Amino acid sequence: MDILEFVLQVLLGITSVLLTLLILLHKGRGGGLSDMFGGGMSTAVGSSGLAERNLNRFTVILALIWFVSIVGLGLITKLGVI
């Protein structure tokens, strides 16, 4: 059980950082960090549809992994058995 808890804590830490970065990369409405990485240029070209959809997919998948790791850690803490 200690190994599972450690794995979930590491997974939670990694997914938290990656989720924060992916959210910051999304196309903003008024500039921001997404423009620093070329988000402002993609609006002028108009070819950001596929990239934005893939970024949305990766963000949703990572958010689900993040949520499952939080629920798993909560169950381990609450029940003490998994």
Protein backbone atom coordinates (compact mmCIF):
# COMPACT_ATOMS: atom_id res chain seq x y z
CA MET A 1 0.00 0.00 0.00
CA ASP A 2 2.88 2.38 0.64
CA ILE A 3 4.14 1.83 -2.91
CA LEU A 4 0.72 2.60 -4.39
CA GLU A 5 0.43 5.76 -2.31
CA PHE A 6 3.91 6.88 -3.39
CA VAL A 7 3.12 6.22 -7.06
CA LEU A 8 -0.12 8.19 -6.82
CA GLN A 9 1.63 11.10 -5.11
CA VAL A 10 4.31 11.24 -7.80
CA LEU A 11 1.64 10.95 -10.50
CA LEU A 12 -0.32 13.77 -8.86
CA GLY A 13 2.74 16.02 -8.76
CA ILE A 14 3.68 15.41 -12.38
CA THR A 15 0.15 15.81 -13.69
CA SER A 16 -0.36 19.00 -11.66
CA VAL A 17 2.66 20.66 -13.25
CA LEU A 18 1.81 19.44 -16.76
CA LEU A 19 -1.84 20.43 -16.39
CA THR A 20 -0.83 23.93 -15.34
CA LEU A 21 1.44 24.26 -18.37
CA LEU A 22 -1.20 22.94 -20.77
CA ILE A 23 -3.83 25.32 -19.42
CA LEU A 24 -1.45 28.24 -19.86
CA LEU A 25 -0.81 27.23 -23.47
CA HIS A 26 -4.48 27.49 -24.44
CA LYS A 27 -5.48 30.32 -26.71
CA GLY A 28 -6.37 33.30 -24.60
CA ARG A 29 -8.95 35.92 -25.43
CA GLY A 30 -6.74 38.89 -24.67
CA GLY A 31 -3.14 37.73 -24.89
CA GLY A 32 -1.09 36.23 -22.14
CA LEU A 33 1.26 33.30 -21.98
CA SER A 34 -0.27 31.59 -25.00
CA ASP A 35 0.84 34.53 -27.18
CA MET A 36 4.41 34.17 -25.97
CA PHE A 37 4.63 30.72 -27.55
CA GLY A 38 3.14 31.73 -30.90
CA GLY A 39 -0.54 31.80 -30.03
CA GLY A 40 -0.91 35.32 -31.37
CA MET A 41 0.54 34.38 -34.75
CA SER A 42 -1.82 31.45 -35.20
CA THR A 43 -4.85 33.72 -35.09
CA ALA A 44 -3.49 35.70 -38.03
CA VAL A 45 -2.77 32.56 -40.05
CA GLY A 46 -6.01 30.82 -39.08
CA SER A 47 -4.59 27.30 -38.92
CA SER A 48 -4.85 26.72 -35.18
CA GLY A 49 -7.92 24.50 -35.31
CA LEU A 50 -6.18 21.12 -35.20
CA ALA A 51 -3.54 22.24 -32.72
CA GLU A 52 -6.16 23.68 -30.39
CA ARG A 53 -8.27 20.51 -30.57
CA ASN A 54 -5.25 18.33 -29.78
CA LEU A 55 -4.31 20.61 -26.90
CA ASN A 56 -7.86 20.30 -25.59
CA ARG A 57 -7.71 16.50 -25.83
CA PHE A 58 -4.38 16.30 -24.00
CA THR A 59 -5.67 18.66 -21.31
CA VAL A 60 -8.84 16.63 -20.74
CA ILE A 61 -6.95 13.32 -20.59
CA LEU A 62 -4.41 14.76 -18.18
CA ALA A 63 -7.19 16.25 -16.04
CA LEU A 64 -8.86 12.84 -15.82
CA ILE A 65 -5.60 11.21 -14.72
CA TRP A 66 -5.15 14.01 -12.17
CA PHE A 67 -8.69 13.47 -10.85
CA VAL A 68 -8.27 9.69 -10.58
CA SER A 69 -5.02 10.11 -8.65
CA ILE A 70 -6.70 12.50 -6.21
CA VAL A 71 -9.63 10.12 -5.68
CA GLY A 72 -7.20 7.22 -5.21
CA LEU A 73 -5.18 9.13 -2.62
CA GLY A 74 -8.39 10.15 -0.87
CA LEU A 75 -9.56 6.55 -0.68
CA ILE A 76 -6.20 5.40 0.65
CA THR A 77 -6.28 8.11 3.30
CA LYS A 78 -9.92 7.53 4.26
CA LEU A 79 -10.05 3.76 4.21
CA GLY A 80 -6.43 2.88 4.73
CA VAL A 81 -6.97 -0.15 2.49
CA ILE A 82 -6.68 -0.47 -1.28
